[in-house]
Amino acid sequence: QVQLVESGGGLVQAGGSLRLSCAASGRTYSGYATGWFRQAPGKERAFVAAISWSGGSTYYADSVKGRFTISRDNAKNTVYLQMNSLKPEDTAVYYCAVDLRSTVLAGNPAKYDYWGQGTQVTVSS
């Protein structure tokens, strides 16, 4: 069992920045990929970014490329999502998740095994 806790969400004006954190605890695994997803009211959960265990491979949704950066610090069991140039359409609950079964970075939420509870990000215009 892996527990994931997201933090760092909040209210920010358009053009601003936030950094989200995803802290993992519980049973120790290694080699897993971590992804960030978001879900806006009335919409399906959407892929945002993913990172390999080493941090050497990353994968982004087109909507966030050039604005968001995913990174990780395995010594702290934490993955980060730096979000810059935020737009009102980035408003959503942001979730992190881990994929224990594959080393291929995935945008399909069904491939992820454990999820955090989410953190709200609200971008005002």
N, C-alpha and C. Protein backbone atom coordinates (compact mmCIF):
# COMPACT_ATOMS: atom_id res chain seq x y z
N GLN A 1 0.85 -1.18 0.00
CA GLN A 1 0.00 0.00 0.00
C GLN A 1 0.89 1.24 0.00
N VAL A 2 0.57 2.17 -0.86
CA VAL A 2 1.29 3.44 -0.95
C VAL A 2 0.31 4.56 -0.64
N GLN A 3 0.70 5.44 0.23
CA GLN A 3 -0.12 6.62 0.52
C GLN A 3 0.51 7.84 -0.16
N LEU A 4 -0.34 8.62 -0.81
CA LEU A 4 0.10 9.82 -1.50
C LEU A 4 -0.65 11.02 -0.95
N VAL A 5 0.08 12.08 -0.66
CA VAL A 5 -0.54 13.30 -0.15
C VAL A 5 -0.07 14.48 -0.98
N GLU A 6 -1.03 15.16 -1.62
CA GLU A 6 -0.71 16.35 -2.39
C GLU A 6 -0.83 17.59 -1.52
N SER A 7 -0.05 18.60 -1.85
CA SER A 7 -0.13 19.88 -1.16
C SER A 7 0.34 20.98 -2.12
N GLY A 8 0.08 22.22 -1.72
CA GLY A 8 0.56 23.35 -2.51
C GLY A 8 -0.48 24.04 -3.35
N GLY A 9 -1.70 23.51 -3.36
CA GLY A 9 -2.74 24.17 -4.13
C GLY A 9 -3.17 25.47 -3.48
N GLY A 10 -4.00 26.22 -4.20
CA GLY A 10 -4.49 27.48 -3.66
C GLY A 10 -5.10 28.34 -4.73
N LEU A 11 -5.32 29.60 -4.38
CA LEU A 11 -5.90 30.58 -5.29
C LEU A 11 -4.79 31.49 -5.81
N VAL A 12 -4.74 31.67 -7.12
CA VAL A 12 -3.71 32.49 -7.73
C VAL A 12 -4.32 33.25 -8.91
N GLN A 13 -3.79 34.40 -9.20
CA GLN A 13 -4.26 35.16 -10.36
C GLN A 13 -3.66 34.60 -11.65
N ALA A 14 -4.34 34.82 -12.73
CA ALA A 14 -3.84 34.41 -14.03
C ALA A 14 -2.45 35.00 -14.26
N GLY A 15 -1.55 34.15 -14.78
CA GLY A 15 -0.17 34.56 -14.98
C GLY A 15 0.73 34.21 -13.83
N GLY A 16 0.14 33.81 -12.72
CA GLY A 16 0.91 33.47 -11.53
C GLY A 16 1.45 32.05 -11.56
N SER A 17 2.06 31.66 -10.44
CA SER A 17 2.70 30.35 -10.34
C SER A 17 2.31 29.66 -9.04
N LEU A 18 2.35 28.35 -9.08
CA LEU A 18 2.19 27.51 -7.90
C LEU A 18 3.09 26.30 -8.06
N ARG A 19 3.53 25.74 -6.93
CA ARG A 19 4.25 24.47 -6.97
C ARG A 19 3.52 23.45 -6.12
N LEU A 20 3.10 22.39 -6.76
CA LEU A 20 2.44 21.30 -6.06
C LEU A 20 3.46 20.25 -5.65
N SER A 21 3.19 19.61 -4.52
CA SER A 21 4.04 18.52 -4.05
C SER A 21 3.19 17.27 -3.86
N CYS A 22 3.81 16.12 -4.09
CA CYS A 22 3.16 14.83 -3.88
C CYS A 22 4.12 13.98 -3.06
N ALA A 23 3.78 13.77 -1.79
CA ALA A 23 4.64 13.02 -0.89
C ALA A 23 4.13 11.59 -0.76
N ALA A 24 5.02 10.63 -0.94
CA ALA A 24 4.66 9.21 -0.86
C ALA A 24 5.14 8.62 0.46
N SER A 25 4.34 7.72 1.00
CA SER A 25 4.72 7.01 2.22
C SER A 25 4.08 5.63 2.20
N GLY A 26 4.43 4.82 3.19
CA GLY A 26 3.88 3.48 3.27
C GLY A 26 4.88 2.46 2.76
N ARG A 27 4.38 1.43 2.10
CA ARG A 27 5.25 0.38 1.60
C ARG A 27 6.24 0.98 0.60
N THR A 28 7.49 0.64 0.76
CA THR A 28 8.53 1.24 -0.07
C THR A 28 8.65 0.51 -1.39
N TYR A 29 8.45 1.24 -2.45
CA TYR A 29 8.68 0.73 -3.79
C TYR A 29 9.77 1.57 -4.44
N SER A 30 10.35 1.04 -5.49
CA SER A 30 11.26 1.84 -6.29
C SER A 30 11.00 1.50 -7.75
N GLY A 31 11.44 2.39 -8.60
CA GLY A 31 11.29 2.14 -10.02
C GLY A 31 9.96 2.56 -10.60
N TYR A 32 9.08 3.16 -9.82
CA TYR A 32 7.76 3.48 -10.34
C TYR A 32 7.71 4.89 -10.93
N ALA A 33 6.83 5.06 -11.87
CA ALA A 33 6.58 6.37 -12.45
C ALA A 33 5.49 7.07 -11.66
N THR A 34 5.49 8.37 -11.72
CA THR A 34 4.47 9.17 -11.04
C THR A 34 3.85 10.14 -12.03
N GLY A 35 2.56 10.28 -11.92
CA GLY A 35 1.85 11.19 -12.81
C GLY A 35 1.03 12.20 -12.05
N TRP A 36 0.75 13.32 -12.71
CA TRP A 36 -0.19 14.32 -12.22
C TRP A 36 -1.39 14.36 -13.17
N PHE A 37 -2.56 14.42 -12.59
CA PHE A 37 -3.80 14.54 -13.34
C PHE A 37 -4.61 15.68 -12.73
N ARG A 38 -5.62 16.12 -13.45
CA ARG A 38 -6.51 17.15 -12.90
C ARG A 38 -7.93 16.89 -13.35
N GLN A 39 -8.85 17.37 -12.53
CA GLN A 39 -10.26 17.20 -12.84
C GLN A 39 -11.00 18.48 -12.51
N ALA A 40 -11.57 19.08 -13.54
CA ALA A 40 -12.39 20.28 -13.37
C ALA A 40 -13.84 19.86 -13.18
N PRO A 41 -14.67 20.71 -12.57
CA PRO A 41 -16.08 20.36 -12.35
C PRO A 41 -16.77 19.98 -13.65
N GLY A 42 -17.44 18.85 -13.64
CA GLY A 42 -18.20 18.40 -14.80
C GLY A 42 -17.36 17.80 -15.91
N LYS A 43 -16.06 17.64 -15.66
CA LYS A 43 -15.19 17.08 -16.70
C LYS A 43 -14.51 15.81 -16.19
N GLU A 44 -14.01 15.02 -17.13
CA GLU A 44 -13.29 13.81 -16.77
C GLU A 44 -11.88 14.16 -16.28
N ARG A 45 -11.32 13.22 -15.54
CA ARG A 45 -9.96 13.41 -15.07
C ARG A 45 -9.02 13.40 -16.27
N ALA A 46 -8.12 14.38 -16.33
CA ALA A 46 -7.25 14.56 -17.49
C ALA A 46 -5.79 14.49 -17.09
N PHE A 47 -4.99 13.90 -17.95
CA PHE A 47 -3.56 13.79 -17.74
C PHE A 47 -2.90 15.16 -17.82
N VAL A 48 -1.90 15.38 -16.95
CA VAL A 48 -1.15 16.62 -16.97
C VAL A 48 0.33 16.36 -17.28
N ALA A 49 0.95 15.50 -16.49
CA ALA A 49 2.38 15.23 -16.67
C ALA A 49 2.75 13.94 -15.97
N ALA A 50 3.86 13.33 -16.40
CA ALA A 50 4.37 12.12 -15.75
C ALA A 50 5.89 12.15 -15.78
N ILE A 51 6.47 11.42 -14.84
CA ILE A 51 7.93 11.38 -14.73
C ILE A 51 8.36 9.98 -14.35
N SER A 52 9.47 9.54 -14.93
CA SER A 52 10.01 8.24 -14.61
C SER A 52 10.68 8.25 -13.24
N TRP A 53 11.02 7.06 -12.76
CA TRP A 53 11.64 6.97 -11.44
C TRP A 53 12.95 7.75 -11.38
N SER A 54 13.75 7.66 -12.43
CA SER A 54 15.05 8.33 -12.44
C SER A 54 14.91 9.84 -12.64
N GLY A 55 13.76 10.23 -13.17
CA GLY A 55 13.58 11.64 -13.52
C GLY A 55 14.10 11.96 -14.91
N GLY A 56 14.68 10.97 -15.57
CA GLY A 56 15.27 11.21 -16.88
C GLY A 56 14.26 11.31 -18.00
N SER A 57 13.06 10.80 -17.78
CA SER A 57 12.00 10.88 -18.80
C SER A 57 10.79 11.59 -18.24
N THR A 58 10.27 12.50 -19.02
CA THR A 58 9.06 13.21 -18.65
C THR A 58 8.10 13.25 -19.84
N TYR A 59 6.85 13.49 -19.52
CA TYR A 59 5.80 13.44 -20.54
C TYR A 59 4.74 14.45 -20.11
N TYR A 60 4.33 15.32 -21.05
CA TYR A 60 3.39 16.38 -20.72
C TYR A 60 2.19 16.38 -21.65
N ALA A 61 1.07 16.79 -21.13
CA ALA A 61 -0.07 17.08 -21.98
C ALA A 61 0.25 18.34 -22.79
N ASP A 62 -0.28 18.40 -24.01
CA ASP A 62 0.00 19.55 -24.87
C ASP A 62 -0.43 20.87 -24.23
N SER A 63 -1.49 20.80 -23.45
CA SER A 63 -2.05 22.02 -22.87
C SER A 63 -1.14 22.67 -21.83
N VAL A 64 -0.16 21.93 -21.32
CA VAL A 64 0.71 22.48 -20.27
C VAL A 64 2.17 22.55 -20.67
N LYS A 65 2.50 22.06 -21.84
CA LYS A 65 3.90 22.08 -22.30
C LYS A 65 4.43 23.51 -22.32
N GLY A 66 5.64 23.67 -21.80
CA GLY A 66 6.25 24.99 -21.76
C GLY A 66 5.84 25.82 -20.56
N ARG A 67 4.81 25.39 -19.84
CA ARG A 67 4.36 26.15 -18.67
C ARG A 67 4.56 25.36 -17.37
N PHE A 68 4.39 24.05 -17.42
CA PHE A 68 4.51 23.20 -16.24
C PHE A 68 5.78 22.37 -16.33
N THR A 69 6.37 22.09 -15.17
CA THR A 69 7.55 21.24 -15.10
C THR A 69 7.37 20.24 -13.97
N ILE A 70 7.54 18.96 -14.30
CA ILE A 70 7.46 17.90 -13.29
C ILE A 70 8.89 17.51 -12.91
N SER A 71 9.10 17.24 -11.63
CA SER A 71 10.42 16.82 -11.14
C SER A 71 10.22 15.94 -9.92
N ARG A 72 11.28 15.30 -9.47
CA ARG A 72 11.15 14.44 -8.29
C ARG A 72 12.43 14.44 -7.48
N ASP A 73 12.27 14.18 -6.20
CA ASP A 73 13.38 14.01 -5.28
C ASP A 73 13.13 12.69 -4.56
N ASN A 74 13.76 11.63 -5.02
CA ASN A 74 13.50 10.30 -4.46
C ASN A 74 13.98 10.18 -3.02
N ALA A 75 14.97 10.95 -2.65
CA ALA A 75 15.43 10.92 -1.25
C ALA A 75 14.33 11.41 -0.31
N LYS A 76 13.45 12.26 -0.82
CA LYS A 76 12.33 12.77 -0.02
C LYS A 76 11.02 12.10 -0.39
N ASN A 77 11.07 11.13 -1.30
CA ASN A 77 9.85 10.46 -1.75
C ASN A 77 8.79 11.47 -2.21
N THR A 78 9.23 12.48 -2.93
CA THR A 78 8.34 13.57 -3.31
C THR A 78 8.50 13.90 -4.79
N VAL A 79 7.36 14.13 -5.43
CA VAL A 79 7.30 14.59 -6.81
C VAL A 79 6.67 15.97 -6.81
N TYR A 80 7.18 16.83 -7.66
CA TYR A 80 6.72 18.22 -7.71
C TYR A 80 6.11 18.54 -9.07
N LEU A 81 5.23 19.51 -9.08
CA LEU A 81 4.70 20.06 -10.32
C LEU A 81 4.78 21.57 -10.21
N GLN A 82 5.74 22.15 -10.91
CA GLN A 82 5.87 23.60 -10.96
C GLN A 82 4.98 24.12 -12.07
N MET A 83 4.06 25.00 -11.71
CA MET A 83 3.09 25.51 -12.66
C MET A 83 3.28 27.01 -12.82
N ASN A 84 3.66 27.43 -13.99
CA ASN A 84 3.88 28.84 -14.30
C ASN A 84 2.88 29.31 -15.35
N SER A 85 2.75 30.62 -15.47
CA SER A 85 1.85 31.22 -16.46
C SER A 85 0.47 30.59 -16.39
N LEU A 86 -0.05 30.49 -15.19
CA LEU A 86 -1.33 29.82 -14.99
C LEU A 86 -2.46 30.57 -15.67
N LYS A 87 -3.43 29.79 -16.15
CA LYS A 87 -4.60 30.32 -16.85
C LYS A 87 -5.86 29.89 -16.10
N PRO A 88 -6.95 30.62 -16.27
CA PRO A 88 -8.20 30.20 -15.60
C PRO A 88 -8.60 28.77 -15.96
N GLU A 89 -8.29 28.32 -17.16
CA GLU A 89 -8.65 26.96 -17.55
C GLU A 89 -7.80 25.89 -16.87
N ASP A 90 -6.79 26.30 -16.12
CA ASP A 90 -6.02 25.34 -15.31
C ASP A 90 -6.72 25.04 -13.97
N THR A 91 -7.79 25.75 -13.69
CA THR A 91 -8.53 25.52 -12.45
C THR A 91 -9.07 24.10 -12.41
N ALA A 92 -8.74 23.39 -11.34
CA ALA A 92 -9.15 21.99 -11.19
C ALA A 92 -8.64 21.46 -9.86
N VAL A 93 -9.09 20.27 -9.52
CA VAL A 93 -8.45 19.51 -8.45
C VAL A 93 -7.33 18.71 -9.09
N TYR A 94 -6.14 18.82 -8.51
CA TYR A 94 -4.96 18.15 -9.05
C TYR A 94 -4.64 16.93 -8.18
N TYR A 95 -4.42 15.80 -8.86
CA TYR A 95 -4.12 14.54 -8.20
C TYR A 95 -2.78 13.99 -8.66
N CYS A 96 -2.05 13.37 -7.75
CA CYS A 96 -0.89 12.61 -8.18
C CYS A 96 -1.21 11.12 -8.05
N ALA A 97 -0.50 10.32 -8.80
CA ALA A 97 -0.73 8.88 -8.83
C ALA A 97 0.56 8.17 -9.19
N VAL A 98 0.67 6.91 -8.78
CA VAL A 98 1.86 6.13 -9.10
C VAL A 98 1.49 4.90 -9.91
N ASP A 99 2.36 4.56 -10.84
CA ASP A 99 2.21 3.39 -11.71
C ASP A 99 3.28 2.40 -11.31
N LEU A 100 2.88 1.31 -10.67
CA LEU A 100 3.81 0.32 -10.16
C LEU A 100 4.11 -0.79 -11.15
N ARG A 101 3.40 -0.82 -12.27
CA ARG A 101 3.46 -1.99 -13.14
C ARG A 101 4.22 -1.77 -14.43
N SER A 102 4.53 -0.54 -14.77
CA SER A 102 5.17 -0.29 -16.05
C SER A 102 6.17 0.84 -15.93
N THR A 103 7.21 0.76 -16.75
CA THR A 103 8.18 1.86 -16.79
C THR A 103 7.88 2.83 -17.92
N VAL A 104 6.86 2.52 -18.71
CA VAL A 104 6.47 3.40 -19.82
C VAL A 104 5.55 4.48 -19.27
N LEU A 105 5.89 5.71 -19.49
CA LEU A 105 5.08 6.80 -18.97
C LEU A 105 3.73 6.81 -19.67
N ALA A 106 2.66 6.93 -18.88
CA ALA A 106 1.31 6.79 -19.42
C ALA A 106 0.45 8.00 -19.10
N GLY A 107 -0.43 8.32 -20.03
CA GLY A 107 -1.40 9.37 -19.80
C GLY A 107 -2.78 8.82 -19.46
N ASN A 108 -2.92 7.53 -19.47
CA ASN A 108 -4.20 6.88 -19.17
C ASN A 108 -4.32 6.67 -17.66
N PRO A 109 -5.28 7.29 -17.01
CA PRO A 109 -5.39 7.14 -15.55
C PRO A 109 -5.62 5.70 -15.10
N ALA A 110 -6.16 4.86 -15.96
CA ALA A 110 -6.41 3.46 -15.61
C ALA A 110 -5.12 2.68 -15.36
N LYS A 111 -4.00 3.20 -15.82
CA LYS A 111 -2.72 2.50 -15.65
C LYS A 111 -2.07 2.81 -14.30
N TYR A 112 -2.65 3.70 -13.54
CA TYR A 112 -2.06 4.09 -12.27
C TYR A 112 -2.73 3.35 -11.12
N ASP A 113 -1.92 2.99 -10.13
CA ASP A 113 -2.37 2.07 -9.09
C ASP A 113 -2.83 2.75 -7.81
N TYR A 114 -2.17 3.81 -7.40
CA TYR A 114 -2.52 4.51 -6.17
C TYR A 114 -2.64 6.00 -6.47
N TRP A 115 -3.60 6.63 -5.77
CA TRP A 115 -3.92 8.03 -5.98
C TRP A 115 -3.94 8.78 -4.66
N GLY A 116 -3.60 10.06 -4.74
CA GLY A 116 -3.77 10.93 -3.59
C GLY A 116 -5.19 11.47 -3.53
N GLN A 117 -5.45 12.31 -2.53
CA GLN A 117 -6.79 12.83 -2.31
C GLN A 117 -7.07 14.09 -3.11
N GLY A 118 -6.04 14.70 -3.65
CA GLY A 118 -6.20 15.87 -4.50
C GLY A 118 -5.99 17.18 -3.76
N THR A 119 -5.60 18.20 -4.52
CA THR A 119 -5.45 19.55 -3.99
C THR A 119 -6.05 20.53 -4.99
N GLN A 120 -6.81 21.49 -4.49
CA GLN A 120 -7.53 22.41 -5.35
C GLN A 120 -6.61 23.53 -5.85
N VAL A 121 -6.67 23.77 -7.14
CA VAL A 121 -5.98 24.92 -7.75
C VAL A 121 -7.04 25.79 -8.42
N THR A 122 -7.09 27.04 -8.04
CA THR A 122 -8.05 27.97 -8.62
C THR A 122 -7.29 29.16 -9.18
N VAL A 123 -7.51 29.43 -10.46
CA VAL A 123 -6.84 30.54 -11.13
C VAL A 123 -7.90 31.57 -11.51
N SER A 124 -7.77 32.75 -10.96
CA SER A 124 -8.75 33.81 -11.23
C SER A 124 -8.28 34.67 -12.41
N SER A 125 -9.27 35.17 -13.14
CA SER A 125 -8.94 35.98 -14.34
C SER A 125 -8.83 37.46 -13.99
